[in-house]
Amino acid sequence: VLGLGCLKTMAYTVNPDEQAFVLRFGQIVNPDKMVGSGLHWKLPWPIDRVERFQTGKIFSLSVGNVVNFDDSMIWRNEHGDTKTFISGDNNLFLPYITIHYRIQTPKAYYLNYRKMSADRLLEYQAYNILSSLFVKKAYFDLALNERDQWTKLAEQRLQKKMHQMNAGIEIVAFCLRDLHPPKDIAASYENVVAAYQKREQSLNQAQQYY
């Protein structure tokens, strides 16, 4: 029975979307070579143990506020979240952002941040980057005029931070779903957006007439 128990702890499998390495008394065996998918063997527990990482999976992290993707992002609706940020022109708003990432270098991630989950690490750094970006721009620049520019800049800064920290994390996509004003003043924000749209329409009509 003891022999069968040892034999059972010597065999292990790695799934197709995973990579792994073996720890022998806490030290990585063959640190420069990850174990790929399939059936593998190791020394029995407690000598060896296996750490697996889903390197083929794309993880998603909601930053700011969380909302079901089936919900309509209507400004006057309450979505149940209250994490507000402030813009450079002193307007409060609720961002809905999703970061997609993957574990690119398991060894670096394990050695440096195994005591902190990737979600916690990314969320903390993303909040710092977003806060510094938001306070430098007006709300309607963030929500409308410079939407693409600042989201790309935030993604670049977050990826650069991950490299500097040697976190082993790759940012796959930085997706802004919406920037909501507080519900109580949503109607005023909608009026301003409508005025922006009417202004652009008038300018286009004038250019066409010219």
N, C-alpha and C. Protein backbone atom coordinates (compact mmCIF):
# COMPACT_ATOMS: atom_id res chain seq x y z
N VAL A 1 0.84 -1.21 0.00
CA VAL A 1 0.00 0.00 0.00
C VAL A 1 0.86 1.25 0.00
N LEU A 2 1.93 1.24 0.82
CA LEU A 2 2.84 2.38 0.85
C LEU A 2 3.50 2.61 -0.51
N GLY A 3 3.89 1.48 -1.15
CA GLY A 3 4.51 1.60 -2.47
C GLY A 3 3.56 2.17 -3.50
N LEU A 4 2.31 1.73 -3.47
CA LEU A 4 1.31 2.26 -4.40
C LEU A 4 1.04 3.73 -4.14
N GLY A 5 1.05 4.11 -2.84
CA GLY A 5 0.85 5.52 -2.51
C GLY A 5 1.97 6.38 -3.04
N CYS A 6 3.22 5.90 -2.92
CA CYS A 6 4.37 6.65 -3.45
C CYS A 6 4.31 6.74 -4.97
N LEU A 7 3.93 5.62 -5.60
CA LEU A 7 3.84 5.60 -7.06
C LEU A 7 2.81 6.59 -7.56
N LYS A 8 1.70 6.70 -6.82
CA LYS A 8 0.64 7.63 -7.21
C LYS A 8 1.13 9.08 -7.16
N THR A 9 1.98 9.41 -6.20
CA THR A 9 2.48 10.79 -6.10
C THR A 9 3.62 11.07 -7.07
N MET A 10 4.14 10.03 -7.74
CA MET A 10 5.24 10.23 -8.69
C MET A 10 4.74 10.60 -10.08
N ALA A 11 3.52 10.20 -10.44
CA ALA A 11 2.98 10.51 -11.76
C ALA A 11 2.15 11.79 -11.68
N TYR A 12 2.29 12.63 -12.68
CA TYR A 12 1.46 13.83 -12.75
C TYR A 12 1.23 14.20 -14.20
N THR A 13 0.15 14.92 -14.45
CA THR A 13 -0.19 15.33 -15.81
C THR A 13 -0.23 16.86 -15.90
N VAL A 14 0.08 17.34 -17.09
CA VAL A 14 0.00 18.77 -17.39
C VAL A 14 -0.96 18.93 -18.56
N ASN A 15 -1.96 19.77 -18.39
CA ASN A 15 -2.98 19.96 -19.41
C ASN A 15 -2.44 20.73 -20.62
N PRO A 16 -3.12 20.65 -21.78
CA PRO A 16 -2.63 21.32 -23.00
C PRO A 16 -2.46 22.83 -22.85
N ASP A 17 -3.26 23.48 -22.00
CA ASP A 17 -3.15 24.93 -21.85
C ASP A 17 -2.25 25.33 -20.68
N GLU A 18 -1.49 24.35 -20.16
CA GLU A 18 -0.65 24.61 -18.99
C GLU A 18 0.83 24.39 -19.27
N GLN A 19 1.64 25.01 -18.43
CA GLN A 19 3.06 24.71 -18.31
C GLN A 19 3.34 24.52 -16.82
N ALA A 20 4.37 23.75 -16.50
CA ALA A 20 4.64 23.45 -15.10
C ALA A 20 6.14 23.35 -14.86
N PHE A 21 6.51 23.40 -13.60
CA PHE A 21 7.86 23.03 -13.20
C PHE A 21 7.80 22.27 -11.89
N VAL A 22 8.86 21.51 -11.63
CA VAL A 22 8.93 20.67 -10.44
C VAL A 22 9.79 21.35 -9.39
N LEU A 23 9.30 21.35 -8.16
CA LEU A 23 10.06 21.88 -7.03
C LEU A 23 10.58 20.71 -6.20
N ARG A 24 11.88 20.70 -5.97
CA ARG A 24 12.51 19.67 -5.15
C ARG A 24 13.02 20.31 -3.88
N PHE A 25 12.39 19.99 -2.77
CA PHE A 25 12.67 20.65 -1.49
C PHE A 25 12.59 22.17 -1.62
N GLY A 26 11.61 22.62 -2.42
CA GLY A 26 11.37 24.06 -2.57
C GLY A 26 12.16 24.74 -3.65
N GLN A 27 13.12 24.05 -4.28
CA GLN A 27 13.94 24.63 -5.34
C GLN A 27 13.47 24.12 -6.70
N ILE A 28 13.45 25.01 -7.70
CA ILE A 28 12.98 24.63 -9.03
C ILE A 28 13.98 23.70 -9.69
N VAL A 29 13.49 22.57 -10.19
CA VAL A 29 14.31 21.63 -10.95
C VAL A 29 14.30 22.08 -12.42
N ASN A 30 15.48 22.15 -13.03
CA ASN A 30 15.60 22.61 -14.43
C ASN A 30 14.87 23.95 -14.63
N PRO A 31 15.34 25.03 -14.00
CA PRO A 31 14.63 26.31 -14.04
C PRO A 31 14.53 26.92 -15.43
N ASP A 32 15.40 26.51 -16.35
CA ASP A 32 15.39 27.08 -17.70
C ASP A 32 14.49 26.31 -18.65
N LYS A 33 13.83 25.27 -18.19
CA LYS A 33 13.00 24.45 -19.07
C LYS A 33 11.68 24.12 -18.38
N MET A 34 10.58 24.61 -18.95
CA MET A 34 9.26 24.32 -18.42
C MET A 34 8.81 22.93 -18.87
N VAL A 35 7.93 22.33 -18.09
CA VAL A 35 7.36 21.03 -18.42
C VAL A 35 6.10 21.26 -19.24
N GLY A 36 6.03 20.63 -20.42
CA GLY A 36 4.88 20.79 -21.29
C GLY A 36 3.76 19.82 -20.97
N SER A 37 2.74 19.80 -21.82
CA SER A 37 1.56 18.97 -21.59
C SER A 37 1.89 17.49 -21.72
N GLY A 38 1.13 16.67 -21.01
CA GLY A 38 1.31 15.22 -21.08
C GLY A 38 1.49 14.60 -19.70
N LEU A 39 1.83 13.31 -19.71
CA LEU A 39 2.07 12.56 -18.48
C LEU A 39 3.56 12.60 -18.15
N HIS A 40 3.89 12.90 -16.89
CA HIS A 40 5.28 13.04 -16.48
C HIS A 40 5.49 12.33 -15.13
N TRP A 41 6.78 12.19 -14.79
CA TRP A 41 7.14 11.53 -13.54
C TRP A 41 8.06 12.42 -12.72
N LYS A 42 7.98 12.25 -11.42
CA LYS A 42 8.83 13.00 -10.49
C LYS A 42 9.10 12.12 -9.28
N LEU A 43 9.94 12.61 -8.39
CA LEU A 43 10.18 11.89 -7.15
C LEU A 43 8.94 12.00 -6.25
N PRO A 44 8.73 11.04 -5.38
CA PRO A 44 7.50 11.05 -4.58
C PRO A 44 7.44 12.21 -3.61
N TRP A 45 6.21 12.57 -3.25
CA TRP A 45 5.99 13.57 -2.21
C TRP A 45 6.52 13.02 -0.88
N PRO A 46 7.18 13.80 -0.04
CA PRO A 46 7.29 15.27 -0.07
C PRO A 46 8.56 15.79 -0.71
N ILE A 47 9.29 14.96 -1.43
CA ILE A 47 10.54 15.42 -2.05
C ILE A 47 10.24 16.40 -3.17
N ASP A 48 9.38 15.98 -4.09
CA ASP A 48 9.02 16.82 -5.24
C ASP A 48 7.56 17.23 -5.16
N ARG A 49 7.29 18.40 -5.67
CA ARG A 49 5.91 18.82 -5.89
C ARG A 49 5.85 19.64 -7.17
N VAL A 50 4.67 19.79 -7.73
CA VAL A 50 4.49 20.41 -9.05
C VAL A 50 3.72 21.72 -8.92
N GLU A 51 4.19 22.73 -9.63
CA GLU A 51 3.47 24.00 -9.76
C GLU A 51 3.02 24.14 -11.21
N ARG A 52 1.71 24.30 -11.42
CA ARG A 52 1.15 24.41 -12.77
C ARG A 52 0.67 25.84 -13.01
N PHE A 53 0.77 26.28 -14.28
CA PHE A 53 0.34 27.62 -14.67
C PHE A 53 -0.43 27.53 -15.98
N GLN A 54 -1.57 28.17 -16.04
CA GLN A 54 -2.38 28.16 -17.25
C GLN A 54 -1.89 29.23 -18.22
N THR A 55 -0.79 28.95 -18.88
CA THR A 55 -0.19 29.93 -19.79
C THR A 55 -0.98 30.10 -21.08
N GLY A 56 -1.84 29.14 -21.39
CA GLY A 56 -2.64 29.23 -22.60
C GLY A 56 -3.99 29.87 -22.39
N LYS A 57 -4.29 30.29 -21.17
CA LYS A 57 -5.60 30.87 -20.87
C LYS A 57 -5.49 32.39 -20.76
N ILE A 58 -6.49 33.08 -21.30
CA ILE A 58 -6.59 34.53 -21.17
C ILE A 58 -7.50 34.83 -19.98
N PHE A 59 -6.97 35.52 -18.98
CA PHE A 59 -7.74 35.87 -17.79
C PHE A 59 -8.33 37.28 -17.96
N SER A 60 -9.43 37.53 -17.28
CA SER A 60 -10.09 38.83 -17.34
C SER A 60 -10.19 39.42 -15.94
N LEU A 61 -9.94 40.71 -15.86
CA LEU A 61 -9.98 41.43 -14.58
C LEU A 61 -10.77 42.72 -14.77
N SER A 62 -11.80 42.93 -13.97
CA SER A 62 -12.57 44.17 -14.01
C SER A 62 -11.92 45.19 -13.09
N VAL A 63 -11.67 46.37 -13.63
CA VAL A 63 -11.04 47.45 -12.86
C VAL A 63 -12.02 48.61 -12.79
N GLY A 64 -12.11 49.20 -11.63
CA GLY A 64 -13.08 50.27 -11.43
C GLY A 64 -14.35 49.68 -10.88
N ASN A 65 -15.32 49.41 -11.77
CA ASN A 65 -16.59 48.85 -11.36
C ASN A 65 -16.92 47.64 -12.21
N VAL A 66 -17.72 46.75 -11.65
CA VAL A 66 -18.05 45.49 -12.30
C VAL A 66 -19.52 45.51 -12.71
N VAL A 67 -19.79 45.08 -13.93
CA VAL A 67 -21.16 45.01 -14.41
C VAL A 67 -21.30 43.80 -15.31
N ASN A 68 -22.47 43.19 -15.31
CA ASN A 68 -22.75 42.07 -16.18
C ASN A 68 -22.74 42.54 -17.63
N PHE A 69 -22.11 41.75 -18.51
CA PHE A 69 -21.99 42.17 -19.90
C PHE A 69 -23.34 42.18 -20.62
N ASP A 70 -24.36 41.58 -20.02
CA ASP A 70 -25.69 41.60 -20.62
C ASP A 70 -26.46 42.87 -20.25
N ASP A 71 -25.96 43.62 -19.28
CA ASP A 71 -26.64 44.83 -18.86
C ASP A 71 -26.43 45.96 -19.86
N SER A 72 -27.45 46.77 -20.03
CA SER A 72 -27.33 47.96 -20.89
C SER A 72 -26.63 49.06 -20.11
N MET A 73 -25.62 49.67 -20.74
CA MET A 73 -24.84 50.71 -20.07
C MET A 73 -25.53 52.06 -20.23
N ILE A 74 -26.68 52.20 -19.58
CA ILE A 74 -27.45 53.44 -19.62
C ILE A 74 -27.07 54.29 -18.41
N TRP A 75 -26.73 55.53 -18.65
CA TRP A 75 -26.20 56.37 -17.59
C TRP A 75 -27.17 56.55 -16.43
N ARG A 76 -28.46 56.58 -16.71
CA ARG A 76 -29.43 56.84 -15.64
C ARG A 76 -29.76 55.58 -14.84
N ASN A 77 -29.24 54.43 -15.26
CA ASN A 77 -29.49 53.19 -14.52
C ASN A 77 -28.45 53.00 -13.43
N GLU A 78 -28.87 52.41 -12.34
CA GLU A 78 -27.97 52.09 -11.23
C GLU A 78 -27.43 50.68 -11.43
N HIS A 79 -26.11 50.54 -11.42
CA HIS A 79 -25.48 49.23 -11.62
C HIS A 79 -24.95 48.63 -10.33
N GLY A 80 -25.13 49.34 -9.22
CA GLY A 80 -24.77 48.76 -7.94
C GLY A 80 -23.34 49.02 -7.49
N ASP A 81 -22.55 49.76 -8.27
CA ASP A 81 -21.16 50.02 -7.91
C ASP A 81 -20.98 51.49 -7.57
N THR A 82 -20.00 51.76 -6.72
CA THR A 82 -19.81 53.15 -6.27
C THR A 82 -18.34 53.58 -6.26
N LYS A 83 -17.48 52.90 -7.01
CA LYS A 83 -16.06 53.26 -7.03
C LYS A 83 -15.87 54.42 -8.00
N THR A 84 -15.75 55.61 -7.45
CA THR A 84 -15.66 56.81 -8.28
C THR A 84 -14.23 57.30 -8.40
N PHE A 85 -13.95 57.91 -9.55
CA PHE A 85 -12.68 58.60 -9.79
C PHE A 85 -13.01 60.06 -10.09
N ILE A 86 -11.99 60.90 -10.13
CA ILE A 86 -12.20 62.32 -10.42
C ILE A 86 -11.35 62.72 -11.60
N SER A 87 -11.92 63.52 -12.48
CA SER A 87 -11.21 63.98 -13.67
C SER A 87 -10.50 65.29 -13.40
N GLY A 88 -9.74 65.75 -14.39
CA GLY A 88 -8.97 66.98 -14.23
C GLY A 88 -9.83 68.20 -14.07
N ASP A 89 -11.09 68.16 -14.55
CA ASP A 89 -12.00 69.30 -14.37
C ASP A 89 -12.97 69.08 -13.22
N ASN A 90 -12.54 68.21 -12.27
CA ASN A 90 -13.28 67.99 -11.00
C ASN A 90 -14.67 67.38 -11.20
N ASN A 91 -14.79 66.48 -12.16
CA ASN A 91 -16.03 65.73 -12.33
C ASN A 91 -15.85 64.31 -11.81
N LEU A 92 -16.83 63.83 -11.07
CA LEU A 92 -16.79 62.46 -10.57
C LEU A 92 -17.40 61.52 -11.62
N PHE A 93 -16.84 60.31 -11.72
CA PHE A 93 -17.37 59.34 -12.68
C PHE A 93 -17.00 57.93 -12.24
N LEU A 94 -17.69 56.95 -12.81
CA LEU A 94 -17.49 55.54 -12.50
C LEU A 94 -16.99 54.83 -13.75
N PRO A 95 -15.74 54.38 -13.77
CA PRO A 95 -15.22 53.68 -14.95
C PRO A 95 -15.57 52.19 -14.93
N TYR A 96 -15.81 51.65 -16.11
CA TYR A 96 -16.03 50.21 -16.29
C TYR A 96 -14.99 49.72 -17.29
N ILE A 97 -13.94 49.08 -16.78
CA ILE A 97 -12.79 48.69 -17.59
C ILE A 97 -12.50 47.21 -17.37
N THR A 98 -12.15 46.52 -18.44
CA THR A 98 -11.76 45.11 -18.34
C THR A 98 -10.36 44.94 -18.91
N ILE A 99 -9.47 44.32 -18.14
CA ILE A 99 -8.11 44.02 -18.57
C ILE A 99 -8.01 42.52 -18.84
N HIS A 100 -7.56 42.17 -20.03
CA HIS A 100 -7.32 40.77 -20.38
C HIS A 100 -5.81 40.53 -20.34
N TYR A 101 -5.40 39.46 -19.67
CA TYR A 101 -3.97 39.20 -19.50
C TYR A 101 -3.71 37.70 -19.47
N ARG A 102 -2.43 37.36 -19.55
CA ARG A 102 -2.03 35.95 -19.40
C ARG A 102 -0.69 35.87 -18.68
N ILE A 103 -0.42 34.71 -18.12
CA ILE A 103 0.88 34.46 -17.47
C ILE A 103 1.86 34.10 -18.58
N GLN A 104 2.77 35.02 -18.89
CA GLN A 104 3.70 34.82 -20.00
C GLN A 104 4.96 34.09 -19.56
N THR A 105 5.48 34.43 -18.38
CA THR A 105 6.71 33.82 -17.87
C THR A 105 6.44 33.27 -16.47
N PRO A 106 6.02 32.00 -16.37
CA PRO A 106 5.65 31.44 -15.07
C PRO A 106 6.75 31.52 -14.02
N LYS A 107 8.00 31.31 -14.44
CA LYS A 107 9.10 31.32 -13.47
C LYS A 107 9.22 32.69 -12.79
N ALA A 108 9.19 33.76 -13.58
CA ALA A 108 9.29 35.11 -13.02
C ALA A 108 8.10 35.41 -12.12
N TYR A 109 6.92 35.02 -12.56
CA TYR A 109 5.72 35.26 -11.75
C TYR A 109 5.79 34.50 -10.43
N TYR A 110 6.22 33.25 -10.47
CA TYR A 110 6.26 32.43 -9.27
C TYR A 110 7.31 32.94 -8.29
N LEU A 111 8.51 33.24 -8.79
CA LEU A 111 9.60 33.63 -7.90
C LEU A 111 9.36 35.00 -7.26
N ASN A 112 8.70 35.90 -7.99
CA ASN A 112 8.56 37.27 -7.50
C ASN A 112 7.22 37.56 -6.83
N TYR A 113 6.14 36.91 -7.29
CA TYR A 113 4.82 37.32 -6.83
C TYR A 113 3.90 36.15 -6.50
N ARG A 114 4.46 35.01 -6.13
CA ARG A 114 3.61 33.86 -5.83
C ARG A 114 2.72 34.09 -4.61
N LYS A 115 3.11 35.00 -3.72
CA LYS A 115 2.29 35.27 -2.54
C LYS A 115 1.17 36.26 -2.83
N MET A 116 1.18 36.86 -4.01
CA MET A 116 0.14 37.81 -4.41
C MET A 116 -0.47 37.33 -5.72
N SER A 117 -1.78 37.24 -5.80
CA SER A 117 -2.41 36.79 -7.03
C SER A 117 -2.18 37.81 -8.14
N ALA A 118 -2.22 37.34 -9.38
CA ALA A 118 -2.04 38.24 -10.52
C ALA A 118 -3.13 39.30 -10.56
N ASP A 119 -4.36 38.95 -10.18
CA ASP A 119 -5.46 39.92 -10.16
C ASP A 119 -5.16 41.07 -9.20
N ARG A 120 -4.71 40.73 -8.00
CA ARG A 120 -4.42 41.77 -7.00
C ARG A 120 -3.28 42.68 -7.47
N LEU A 121 -2.24 42.07 -8.04
CA LEU A 121 -1.10 42.84 -8.51
C LEU A 121 -1.51 43.80 -9.63
N LEU A 122 -2.24 43.30 -10.62
CA LEU A 122 -2.67 44.13 -11.75
C LEU A 122 -3.65 45.21 -11.30
N GLU A 123 -4.56 44.85 -10.42
CA GLU A 123 -5.56 45.82 -9.98
C GLU A 123 -4.89 46.99 -9.27
N TYR A 124 -3.94 46.70 -8.39
CA TYR A 124 -3.25 47.76 -7.65
C TYR A 124 -2.51 48.70 -8.60
N GLN A 125 -1.76 48.13 -9.54
CA GLN A 125 -0.99 48.96 -10.47
C GLN A 125 -1.91 49.71 -11.44
N ALA A 126 -2.99 49.07 -11.88
CA ALA A 126 -3.92 49.73 -12.80
C ALA A 126 -4.59 50.92 -12.13
N TYR A 127 -4.95 50.79 -10.86
CA TYR A 127 -5.58 51.91 -10.16
C TYR A 127 -4.63 53.09 -10.08
N ASN A 128 -3.37 52.85 -9.80
CA ASN A 128 -2.40 53.94 -9.72
C ASN A 128 -2.25 54.64 -11.08
N ILE A 129 -2.14 53.85 -12.15
CA ILE A 129 -1.96 54.42 -13.48
C ILE A 129 -3.19 55.20 -13.91
N LEU A 130 -4.37 54.63 -13.70
CA LEU A 130 -5.61 55.30 -14.10
C LEU A 130 -5.83 56.59 -13.32
N SER A 131 -5.56 56.55 -12.03
CA SER A 131 -5.75 57.76 -11.22
C SER A 131 -4.87 58.90 -11.72
N SER A 132 -3.62 58.58 -12.08
CA SER A 132 -2.70 59.62 -12.56
C SER A 132 -3.11 60.15 -13.93
N LEU A 133 -3.73 59.30 -14.76
CA LEU A 133 -4.19 59.75 -16.08
C LEU A 133 -5.47 60.57 -15.97
N PHE A 134 -6.39 60.13 -15.14
CA PHE A 134 -7.70 60.78 -15.05
C PHE A 134 -7.60 62.21 -14.55
N VAL A 135 -6.72 62.47 -13.60
CA VAL A 135 -6.66 63.82 -13.00
C VAL A 135 -6.02 64.84 -13.94
N LYS A 136 -5.52 64.39 -15.08
CA LYS A 136 -4.88 65.31 -16.03
C LYS A 136 -5.77 65.65 -17.22
N LYS A 137 -6.97 65.05 -17.28
CA LYS A 137 -7.84 65.27 -18.43
C LYS A 137 -9.25 65.60 -17.99
N ALA A 138 -9.94 66.37 -18.83
CA ALA A 138 -11.34 66.69 -18.57
C ALA A 138 -12.20 65.45 -18.82
N TYR A 139 -13.36 65.41 -18.17
CA TYR A 139 -14.20 64.22 -18.26
C TYR A 139 -14.59 63.91 -19.69
N PHE A 140 -15.03 64.91 -20.45
CA PHE A 140 -15.52 64.64 -21.80
C PHE A 140 -14.38 64.31 -22.76
N ASP A 141 -13.16 64.67 -22.42
CA ASP A 141 -12.01 64.19 -23.19
C ASP A 141 -11.79 62.70 -22.92
N LEU A 142 -11.95 62.31 -21.65
CA LEU A 142 -11.81 60.90 -21.30
C LEU A 142 -12.91 60.05 -21.91
N ALA A 143 -14.15 60.56 -21.84
CA ALA A 143 -15.30 59.77 -22.29
C ALA A 143 -15.50 59.80 -23.79
N LEU A 144 -15.09 60.91 -24.45
CA LEU A 144 -15.41 61.06 -25.87
C LEU A 144 -14.20 61.38 -26.73
N ASN A 145 -13.62 62.57 -26.51
CA ASN A 145 -12.67 63.12 -27.47
C ASN A 145 -11.34 62.37 -27.54
N GLU A 146 -10.81 61.91 -26.39
CA GLU A 146 -9.49 61.27 -26.37
C GLU A 146 -9.57 59.84 -25.83
N ARG A 147 -10.67 59.20 -26.06
CA ARG A 147 -10.94 57.87 -25.51
C ARG A 147 -9.87 56.85 -25.96
N ASP A 148 -9.61 56.81 -27.26
CA ASP A 148 -8.63 55.84 -27.78
C ASP A 148 -7.22 56.13 -27.29
N GLN A 149 -6.86 57.42 -27.24
CA GLN A 149 -5.50 57.79 -26.88
C GLN A 149 -5.15 57.39 -25.44
N TRP A 150 -6.02 57.72 -24.50
CA TRP A 150 -5.65 57.46 -23.10
C TRP A 150 -5.76 55.98 -22.76
N THR A 151 -6.67 55.24 -23.39
CA THR A 151 -6.74 53.80 -23.11
C THR A 151 -5.49 53.08 -23.62
N LYS A 152 -4.99 53.48 -24.79
CA LYS A 152 -3.75 52.89 -25.31
C LYS A 152 -2.57 53.25 -24.41
N LEU A 153 -2.54 54.50 -23.94
CA LEU A 153 -1.46 54.93 -23.05
C LEU A 153 -1.51 54.16 -21.73
N ALA A 154 -2.69 53.94 -21.19
CA ALA A 154 -2.83 53.19 -19.94
C ALA A 154 -2.36 51.75 -20.12
N GLU A 155 -2.69 51.14 -21.25
CA GLU A 155 -2.24 49.77 -21.53
C GLU A 155 -0.72 49.70 -21.62
N GLN A 156 -0.13 50.67 -22.32
CA GLN A 156 1.33 50.69 -22.47
C GLN A 156 2.02 50.87 -21.12
N ARG A 157 1.50 51.77 -20.30
CA ARG A 157 2.11 52.01 -18.98
C ARG A 157 1.98 50.79 -18.07
N LEU A 158 0.84 50.12 -18.16
CA LEU A 158 0.64 48.94 -17.32
C LEU A 158 1.58 47.81 -17.75
N GLN A 159 1.74 47.62 -19.07
CA GLN A 159 2.66 46.59 -19.54
C GLN A 159 4.10 46.92 -19.17
N LYS A 160 4.46 48.19 -19.29
CA LYS A 160 5.81 48.62 -18.92
C LYS A 160 6.06 48.36 -17.44
N LYS A 161 5.05 48.61 -16.61
CA LYS A 161 5.19 48.38 -15.18
C LYS A 161 5.39 46.90 -14.88
N MET A 162 4.66 46.03 -15.60
CA MET A 162 4.82 44.59 -15.41
C MET A 162 6.24 44.15 -15.78
N HIS A 163 6.80 44.73 -16.85
CA HIS A 163 8.17 44.40 -17.24
C HIS A 163 9.16 44.88 -16.18
N GLN A 164 8.97 46.09 -15.68
CA GLN A 164 9.87 46.63 -14.66
C GLN A 164 9.85 45.79 -13.39
N MET A 165 8.69 45.25 -13.06
CA MET A 165 8.55 44.44 -11.85
C MET A 165 8.92 42.98 -12.09
N ASN A 166 9.22 42.64 -13.35
CA ASN A 166 9.53 41.25 -13.71
C ASN A 166 8.43 40.32 -13.21
N ALA A 167 7.19 40.70 -13.51
CA ALA A 167 6.03 39.96 -13.01
C ALA A 167 5.67 38.77 -13.88
N GLY A 168 6.21 38.70 -15.11
CA GLY A 168 5.89 37.58 -15.99
C GLY A 168 4.48 37.63 -16.55
N ILE A 169 3.86 38.82 -16.57
CA ILE A 169 2.47 38.98 -17.02
C ILE A 169 2.43 39.80 -18.31
N GLU A 170 1.66 39.32 -19.29
CA GLU A 170 1.46 40.04 -20.54
C GLU A 170 0.04 40.61 -20.59
N ILE A 171 -0.06 41.90 -20.90
CA ILE A 171 -1.37 42.53 -21.08
C ILE A 171 -1.82 42.27 -22.51
N VAL A 172 -2.91 41.53 -22.66
CA VAL A 172 -3.41 41.18 -23.99
C VAL A 172 -4.31 42.28 -24.54
N ALA A 173 -5.17 42.83 -23.70
CA ALA A 173 -6.08 43.89 -24.15
C ALA A 173 -6.53 44.73 -22.96
N PHE A 174 -6.75 46.01 -23.23
CA PHE A 174 -7.23 46.96 -22.22
C PHE A 174 -8.52 47.54 -22.79
N CYS A 175 -9.66 47.13 -22.25
CA CYS A 175 -10.95 47.45 -22.86
C CYS A 175 -11.76 48.39 -21.97
N LEU A 176 -12.09 49.55 -22.49
CA LEU A 176 -12.96 50.48 -21.79
C LEU A 176 -14.39 50.27 -22.27
N ARG A 177 -15.27 49.89 -21.35
CA ARG A 177 -16.67 49.72 -21.72
C ARG A 177 -17.43 51.04 -21.62
N ASP A 178 -17.21 51.77 -20.53
CA ASP A 178 -17.90 53.05 -20.39
C ASP A 178 -17.34 53.81 -19.20
N LEU A 179 -17.60 55.12 -19.20
CA LEU A 179 -17.32 55.98 -18.05
C LEU A 179 -18.65 56.61 -17.66
N HIS A 180 -19.22 56.16 -16.56
CA HIS A 180 -20.53 56.64 -16.12
C HIS A 180 -20.41 57.83 -15.20
N PRO A 181 -21.23 58.85 -15.42
CA PRO A 181 -21.35 59.89 -14.39
C PRO A 181 -22.19 59.35 -13.24
N PRO A 182 -22.13 59.96 -12.06
CA PRO A 182 -23.02 59.53 -10.98
C PRO A 182 -24.48 59.61 -11.42
N LYS A 183 -25.29 58.67 -10.97
CA LYS A 183 -26.68 58.56 -11.43
C LYS A 183 -27.48 59.85 -11.21
N ASP A 184 -27.24 60.53 -10.09
CA ASP A 184 -28.04 61.70 -9.74
C ASP A 184 -27.88 62.85 -10.73
N ILE A 185 -26.73 62.90 -11.41
CA ILE A 185 -26.50 64.00 -12.35
C ILE A 185 -26.32 63.49 -13.78
N ALA A 186 -26.75 62.26 -14.03
CA ALA A 186 -26.59 61.67 -15.36
C ALA A 186 -27.32 62.46 -16.43
N ALA A 187 -28.51 63.00 -16.10
CA ALA A 187 -29.29 63.75 -17.08
C ALA A 187 -28.53 64.97 -17.58
N SER A 188 -27.83 65.65 -16.68
CA SER A 188 -27.05 66.83 -17.09
C SER A 188 -25.91 66.43 -18.01
N TYR A 189 -25.25 65.32 -17.71
CA TYR A 189 -24.17 64.84 -18.57
C TYR A 189 -24.70 64.48 -19.96
N GLU A 190 -25.88 63.85 -19.99
CA GLU A 190 -26.47 63.48 -21.28
C GLU A 190 -26.78 64.72 -22.11
N ASN A 191 -27.21 65.78 -21.47
CA ASN A 191 -27.49 67.03 -22.19
C ASN A 191 -26.22 67.61 -22.80
N VAL A 192 -25.12 67.52 -22.05
CA VAL A 192 -23.85 68.03 -22.58
C VAL A 192 -23.39 67.19 -23.77
N VAL A 193 -23.52 65.86 -23.67
CA VAL A 193 -23.14 64.99 -24.78
C VAL A 193 -23.99 65.29 -26.00
N ALA A 194 -25.29 65.50 -25.78
CA ALA A 194 -26.17 65.84 -26.89
C ALA A 194 -25.75 67.15 -27.54
N ALA A 195 -25.32 68.11 -26.72
CA ALA A 195 -24.86 69.39 -27.25
C ALA A 195 -23.59 69.21 -28.08
N TYR A 196 -22.66 68.35 -27.61
CA TYR A 196 -21.46 68.04 -28.39
C TYR A 196 -21.84 67.45 -29.75
N GLN A 197 -22.77 66.51 -29.74
CA GLN A 197 -23.18 65.86 -30.97
C GLN A 197 -23.85 66.85 -31.93
N LYS A 198 -24.69 67.73 -31.36
CA LYS A 198 -25.34 68.74 -32.19
C LYS A 198 -24.32 69.70 -32.79
N ARG A 199 -23.30 70.05 -32.00
CA ARG A 199 -22.24 70.93 -32.49
C ARG A 199 -21.50 70.29 -33.66
N GLU A 200 -21.14 69.02 -33.52
CA GLU A 200 -20.44 68.32 -34.60
C GLU A 200 -21.32 68.23 -35.84
N GLN A 201 -22.60 67.99 -35.64
CA GLN A 201 -23.52 67.91 -36.77
C GLN A 201 -23.60 69.24 -37.49
N SER A 202 -23.68 70.32 -36.72
CA SER A 202 -23.75 71.66 -37.33
C SER A 202 -22.48 71.98 -38.09
N LEU A 203 -21.32 71.61 -37.52
CA LEU A 203 -20.05 71.85 -38.21
C LEU A 203 -19.97 71.05 -39.51
N ASN A 204 -20.42 69.81 -39.48
CA ASN A 204 -20.42 68.99 -40.69
C ASN A 204 -21.34 69.55 -41.76
N GLN A 205 -22.48 70.03 -41.34
CA GLN A 205 -23.43 70.62 -42.30
C GLN A 205 -22.86 71.92 -42.91
N ALA A 206 -22.19 72.71 -42.06
CA ALA A 206 -21.59 73.94 -42.55
C ALA A 206 -20.45 73.63 -43.54
N GLN A 207 -19.65 72.61 -43.22
CA GLN A 207 -18.58 72.24 -44.12
C GLN A 207 -19.13 71.72 -45.45
N GLN A 208 -20.21 70.94 -45.36
CA GLN A 208 -20.84 70.45 -46.59
C GLN A 208 -21.36 71.59 -47.43
N TYR A 209 -22.02 72.57 -46.77
CA TYR A 209 -22.57 73.72 -47.50
C TYR A 209 -21.45 74.53 -48.15
N TYR A 210 -20.34 74.70 -47.40
CA TYR A 210 -19.20 75.45 -47.93
C TYR A 210 -18.61 74.77 -49.16
